[in-house]
Amino acid sequence: MAKKTRLTEARLAEILKRRLSLKDPECHFERVGGRIIGDIVSASFKGKRDHERQQLIWDALDAELGAESASRVGMLLAYTPDEWDVGSDRKPAASRAKKAG
C-alpha cells in the first residue's frame, strides 16, 4: 500500500488552482486538528451559487485525494474578490460564526 502523503496548505492550494483553473486565487488556510480549513477567493466563482462552488471544490478534492478528502479537508468557503472585500472581517474560517447553507 502506498504511503499517504501529508496534505499541506500549499499542496491544497495547488490542487484547487489546477483542478478548478482558478483565476488569481487567494487561499487563506489553516490547520485545525487534523484537517485544513479556510477560504478561497477567486473571480472564477463569479456567477456560481454557494452549493455550486462547494460541489466544484469537493469534486476536485475527491478526484485528487479520493475517499481521504473528507478526513483531510474540513470547511472551505469560496468567495469572489467582490464578496471578500465587502467587510473588514477577514478572519480565518474557524474564527467566524458563518453557517453553511
N, C-alpha and C. Protein backbone atom coordinates (compact mmCIF):
# COMPACT_ATOMS: atom_id res chain seq x y z
N MET A 1 0.84 -1.18 0.00
CA MET A 1 0.00 0.00 0.00
C MET A 1 0.89 1.25 0.00
N ALA A 2 0.56 2.24 -0.80
CA ALA A 2 1.35 3.46 -0.90
C ALA A 2 1.22 4.29 0.37
N LYS A 3 2.34 4.93 0.73
CA LYS A 3 2.34 5.79 1.91
C LYS A 3 1.53 7.05 1.63
N LYS A 4 0.70 7.46 2.59
CA LYS A 4 -0.13 8.65 2.44
C LYS A 4 0.76 9.89 2.58
N THR A 5 0.73 10.76 1.57
CA THR A 5 1.49 11.99 1.59
C THR A 5 0.74 13.01 2.43
N ARG A 6 1.47 13.71 3.29
CA ARG A 6 0.84 14.74 4.13
C ARG A 6 0.30 15.85 3.24
N LEU A 7 -0.92 16.24 3.49
CA LEU A 7 -1.53 17.32 2.73
C LEU A 7 -1.18 18.63 3.42
N THR A 8 -0.46 19.49 2.72
CA THR A 8 -0.11 20.79 3.25
C THR A 8 -1.05 21.85 2.69
N GLU A 9 -1.04 23.01 3.31
CA GLU A 9 -1.86 24.11 2.82
C GLU A 9 -1.44 24.49 1.39
N ALA A 10 -0.14 24.48 1.13
CA ALA A 10 0.36 24.82 -0.21
C ALA A 10 -0.09 23.79 -1.25
N ARG A 11 -0.05 22.51 -0.87
CA ARG A 11 -0.48 21.48 -1.82
C ARG A 11 -1.98 21.57 -2.08
N LEU A 12 -2.77 21.86 -1.04
CA LEU A 12 -4.21 22.02 -1.21
C LEU A 12 -4.50 23.18 -2.16
N ALA A 13 -3.80 24.29 -1.99
CA ALA A 13 -3.98 25.45 -2.88
C ALA A 13 -3.63 25.08 -4.31
N GLU A 14 -2.55 24.33 -4.50
CA GLU A 14 -2.13 23.92 -5.85
C GLU A 14 -3.17 23.02 -6.49
N ILE A 15 -3.70 22.07 -5.72
CA ILE A 15 -4.72 21.15 -6.24
C ILE A 15 -5.94 21.92 -6.72
N LEU A 16 -6.44 22.82 -5.87
CA LEU A 16 -7.64 23.58 -6.23
C LEU A 16 -7.39 24.50 -7.42
N LYS A 17 -6.26 25.16 -7.43
CA LYS A 17 -5.94 26.06 -8.55
C LYS A 17 -5.89 25.29 -9.86
N ARG A 18 -5.21 24.16 -9.85
CA ARG A 18 -5.05 23.36 -11.07
C ARG A 18 -6.35 22.70 -11.50
N ARG A 19 -7.02 22.04 -10.58
CA ARG A 19 -8.23 21.29 -10.94
C ARG A 19 -9.40 22.18 -11.32
N LEU A 20 -9.48 23.38 -10.71
CA LEU A 20 -10.60 24.28 -10.98
C LEU A 20 -10.24 25.40 -11.95
N SER A 21 -8.98 25.44 -12.40
CA SER A 21 -8.50 26.50 -13.29
C SER A 21 -8.85 27.88 -12.72
N LEU A 22 -8.54 28.07 -11.44
CA LEU A 22 -8.90 29.32 -10.76
C LEU A 22 -8.08 30.50 -11.27
N LYS A 23 -8.77 31.63 -11.45
CA LYS A 23 -8.12 32.87 -11.85
C LYS A 23 -7.61 33.60 -10.61
N ASP A 24 -6.32 33.85 -10.57
CA ASP A 24 -5.68 34.61 -9.48
C ASP A 24 -6.23 34.27 -8.10
N PRO A 25 -6.13 33.02 -7.70
CA PRO A 25 -6.72 32.64 -6.40
C PRO A 25 -5.91 33.17 -5.21
N GLU A 26 -6.62 33.48 -4.16
CA GLU A 26 -6.04 33.76 -2.85
C GLU A 26 -6.56 32.66 -1.94
N CYS A 27 -5.67 31.98 -1.28
CA CYS A 27 -6.08 30.92 -0.37
C CYS A 27 -5.67 31.30 1.04
N HIS A 28 -6.60 31.22 1.94
CA HIS A 28 -6.38 31.54 3.34
C HIS A 28 -6.73 30.29 4.14
N PHE A 29 -5.72 29.44 4.37
CA PHE A 29 -5.95 28.16 5.01
C PHE A 29 -5.26 28.12 6.37
N GLU A 30 -5.79 27.25 7.21
CA GLU A 30 -5.16 26.95 8.49
C GLU A 30 -5.47 25.50 8.84
N ARG A 31 -4.64 24.94 9.69
CA ARG A 31 -4.85 23.56 10.13
C ARG A 31 -5.55 23.58 11.48
N VAL A 32 -6.66 22.87 11.56
CA VAL A 32 -7.40 22.73 12.81
C VAL A 32 -7.57 21.24 13.04
N GLY A 33 -6.97 20.76 14.11
CA GLY A 33 -6.95 19.32 14.33
C GLY A 33 -6.17 18.68 13.20
N GLY A 34 -6.71 17.67 12.60
CA GLY A 34 -6.03 17.01 11.50
C GLY A 34 -6.48 17.46 10.13
N ARG A 35 -7.31 18.51 10.08
CA ARG A 35 -7.86 18.96 8.80
C ARG A 35 -7.44 20.38 8.45
N ILE A 36 -7.49 20.68 7.16
CA ILE A 36 -7.23 22.02 6.69
C ILE A 36 -8.58 22.68 6.41
N ILE A 37 -8.76 23.89 6.91
CA ILE A 37 -9.98 24.65 6.66
C ILE A 37 -9.58 26.03 6.13
N GLY A 38 -10.55 26.77 5.60
CA GLY A 38 -10.25 28.13 5.20
C GLY A 38 -11.10 28.66 4.08
N ASP A 39 -10.55 29.69 3.44
CA ASP A 39 -11.26 30.43 2.41
C ASP A 39 -10.46 30.44 1.11
N ILE A 40 -11.20 30.44 0.00
CA ILE A 40 -10.61 30.53 -1.33
C ILE A 40 -11.29 31.70 -2.02
N VAL A 41 -10.49 32.63 -2.52
CA VAL A 41 -11.03 33.81 -3.19
C VAL A 41 -10.56 33.78 -4.64
N SER A 42 -11.51 33.82 -5.57
CA SER A 42 -11.17 33.82 -7.00
C SER A 42 -12.34 34.35 -7.82
N ALA A 43 -12.00 35.10 -8.85
CA ALA A 43 -13.02 35.58 -9.79
C ALA A 43 -13.72 34.42 -10.49
N SER A 44 -13.11 33.26 -10.48
CA SER A 44 -13.69 32.07 -11.12
C SER A 44 -15.01 31.65 -10.49
N PHE A 45 -15.29 32.10 -9.27
CA PHE A 45 -16.53 31.73 -8.59
C PHE A 45 -17.69 32.65 -8.94
N LYS A 46 -17.42 33.72 -9.68
CA LYS A 46 -18.48 34.67 -10.03
C LYS A 46 -19.58 33.98 -10.83
N GLY A 47 -20.83 34.27 -10.45
CA GLY A 47 -21.97 33.69 -11.15
C GLY A 47 -22.35 32.30 -10.68
N LYS A 48 -21.62 31.75 -9.72
CA LYS A 48 -21.93 30.42 -9.20
C LYS A 48 -22.54 30.56 -7.80
N ARG A 49 -23.56 29.79 -7.56
CA ARG A 49 -24.21 29.78 -6.24
C ARG A 49 -23.33 29.03 -5.25
N ASP A 50 -23.59 29.23 -3.96
CA ASP A 50 -22.77 28.60 -2.93
C ASP A 50 -22.67 27.09 -3.10
N HIS A 51 -23.81 26.43 -3.34
CA HIS A 51 -23.77 24.97 -3.47
C HIS A 51 -22.99 24.53 -4.71
N GLU A 52 -23.01 25.33 -5.76
CA GLU A 52 -22.23 25.00 -6.96
C GLU A 52 -20.73 25.12 -6.68
N ARG A 53 -20.37 26.14 -5.94
CA ARG A 53 -18.95 26.32 -5.56
C ARG A 53 -18.48 25.14 -4.71
N GLN A 54 -19.30 24.76 -3.74
CA GLN A 54 -18.94 23.63 -2.89
C GLN A 54 -18.81 22.34 -3.69
N GLN A 55 -19.73 22.13 -4.63
CA GLN A 55 -19.66 20.92 -5.45
C GLN A 55 -18.38 20.89 -6.28
N LEU A 56 -18.01 22.03 -6.86
CA LEU A 56 -16.77 22.11 -7.64
C LEU A 56 -15.56 21.78 -6.77
N ILE A 57 -15.51 22.36 -5.59
CA ILE A 57 -14.38 22.14 -4.68
C ILE A 57 -14.28 20.67 -4.30
N TRP A 58 -15.39 20.08 -3.86
CA TRP A 58 -15.35 18.70 -3.40
C TRP A 58 -15.14 17.70 -4.54
N ASP A 59 -15.66 18.00 -5.72
CA ASP A 59 -15.37 17.14 -6.88
C ASP A 59 -13.88 17.14 -7.18
N ALA A 60 -13.25 18.32 -7.12
CA ALA A 60 -11.81 18.43 -7.38
C ALA A 60 -11.01 17.67 -6.32
N LEU A 61 -11.40 17.82 -5.07
CA LEU A 61 -10.67 17.13 -3.99
C LEU A 61 -10.87 15.62 -4.06
N ASP A 62 -12.08 15.18 -4.34
CA ASP A 62 -12.33 13.74 -4.47
C ASP A 62 -11.55 13.15 -5.63
N ALA A 63 -11.46 13.89 -6.74
CA ALA A 63 -10.71 13.40 -7.90
C ALA A 63 -9.22 13.28 -7.58
N GLU A 64 -8.72 14.20 -6.78
CA GLU A 64 -7.28 14.22 -6.46
C GLU A 64 -6.92 13.33 -5.28
N LEU A 65 -7.73 13.35 -4.24
CA LEU A 65 -7.40 12.67 -2.99
C LEU A 65 -8.23 11.42 -2.72
N GLY A 66 -9.28 11.24 -3.50
CA GLY A 66 -10.15 10.09 -3.30
C GLY A 66 -10.94 10.19 -2.01
N ALA A 67 -11.24 9.06 -1.44
CA ALA A 67 -12.08 9.00 -0.24
C ALA A 67 -11.43 9.71 0.95
N GLU A 68 -10.12 9.92 0.91
CA GLU A 68 -9.43 10.58 2.01
C GLU A 68 -9.74 12.07 2.11
N SER A 69 -10.31 12.66 1.06
CA SER A 69 -10.51 14.10 1.05
C SER A 69 -11.31 14.58 2.27
N ALA A 70 -12.34 13.86 2.65
CA ALA A 70 -13.19 14.28 3.77
C ALA A 70 -12.46 14.22 5.11
N SER A 71 -11.49 13.33 5.24
CA SER A 71 -10.76 13.24 6.50
C SER A 71 -9.57 14.20 6.56
N ARG A 72 -9.18 14.77 5.43
CA ARG A 72 -8.02 15.65 5.39
C ARG A 72 -8.38 17.12 5.22
N VAL A 73 -9.59 17.38 4.73
CA VAL A 73 -10.02 18.76 4.48
C VAL A 73 -11.35 18.99 5.18
N GLY A 74 -11.45 20.12 5.85
CA GLY A 74 -12.69 20.49 6.53
C GLY A 74 -13.43 21.54 5.73
N MET A 75 -14.00 22.50 6.41
CA MET A 75 -14.80 23.54 5.78
C MET A 75 -13.94 24.46 4.91
N LEU A 76 -14.33 24.58 3.65
CA LEU A 76 -13.72 25.53 2.73
C LEU A 76 -14.82 26.41 2.17
N LEU A 77 -14.67 27.71 2.32
CA LEU A 77 -15.65 28.65 1.80
C LEU A 77 -15.06 29.34 0.59
N ALA A 78 -15.88 29.54 -0.43
CA ALA A 78 -15.43 30.13 -1.68
C ALA A 78 -16.07 31.50 -1.89
N TYR A 79 -15.25 32.48 -2.26
CA TYR A 79 -15.70 33.84 -2.46
C TYR A 79 -15.18 34.40 -3.78
N THR A 80 -15.90 35.38 -4.31
CA THR A 80 -15.34 36.20 -5.39
C THR A 80 -14.57 37.34 -4.71
N PRO A 81 -13.68 38.02 -5.43
CA PRO A 81 -12.98 39.16 -4.82
C PRO A 81 -13.94 40.22 -4.29
N ASP A 82 -15.04 40.49 -5.00
CA ASP A 82 -16.01 41.48 -4.53
C ASP A 82 -16.65 41.05 -3.21
N GLU A 83 -16.98 39.78 -3.09
CA GLU A 83 -17.58 39.28 -1.86
C GLU A 83 -16.58 39.36 -0.70
N TRP A 84 -15.34 39.04 -0.98
CA TRP A 84 -14.29 39.03 0.03
C TRP A 84 -14.04 40.45 0.57
N ASP A 85 -14.15 41.46 -0.29
CA ASP A 85 -13.87 42.84 0.08
C ASP A 85 -15.06 43.56 0.70
N VAL A 86 -16.20 42.91 0.83
CA VAL A 86 -17.41 43.56 1.34
C VAL A 86 -17.20 44.08 2.76
N GLY A 87 -16.65 43.26 3.63
CA GLY A 87 -16.47 43.67 5.01
C GLY A 87 -15.01 43.66 5.41
N SER A 88 -14.75 44.16 6.57
CA SER A 88 -13.37 44.16 7.04
C SER A 88 -13.09 42.96 7.94
N ASP A 89 -14.07 42.09 8.10
CA ASP A 89 -13.93 40.91 8.95
C ASP A 89 -13.28 39.78 8.17
N ARG A 90 -11.97 39.86 8.02
CA ARG A 90 -11.23 38.86 7.25
C ARG A 90 -10.53 37.89 8.19
N LYS A 91 -11.30 37.26 9.02
CA LYS A 91 -10.77 36.28 9.96
C LYS A 91 -10.79 34.91 9.31
N PRO A 92 -9.92 34.01 9.74
CA PRO A 92 -9.95 32.65 9.20
C PRO A 92 -11.30 32.00 9.46
N ALA A 93 -11.64 31.04 8.65
CA ALA A 93 -12.94 30.37 8.71
C ALA A 93 -13.25 29.84 10.10
N ALA A 94 -12.27 29.33 10.80
CA ALA A 94 -12.50 28.75 12.13
C ALA A 94 -12.94 29.81 13.13
N SER A 95 -12.62 31.06 12.87
CA SER A 95 -12.95 32.14 13.80
C SER A 95 -14.29 32.78 13.54
N ARG A 96 -14.91 32.46 12.41
CA ARG A 96 -16.18 33.08 12.05
C ARG A 96 -17.34 32.21 12.49
N ALA A 97 -18.45 32.83 12.66
CA ALA A 97 -19.66 32.09 13.08
C ALA A 97 -20.60 31.92 11.90
N LYS A 98 -20.09 31.92 10.68
CA LYS A 98 -20.93 31.78 9.50
C LYS A 98 -21.44 30.34 9.41
N LYS A 99 -22.70 30.21 9.14
CA LYS A 99 -23.28 28.89 8.97
C LYS A 99 -23.33 28.54 7.50
N ALA A 100 -23.02 27.30 7.17
CA ALA A 100 -23.12 26.84 5.80
C ALA A 100 -24.59 26.75 5.42
N GLY A 101 -24.89 27.04 4.16
CA GLY A 101 -26.29 26.97 3.80
C GLY A 101 -26.51 26.78 2.41
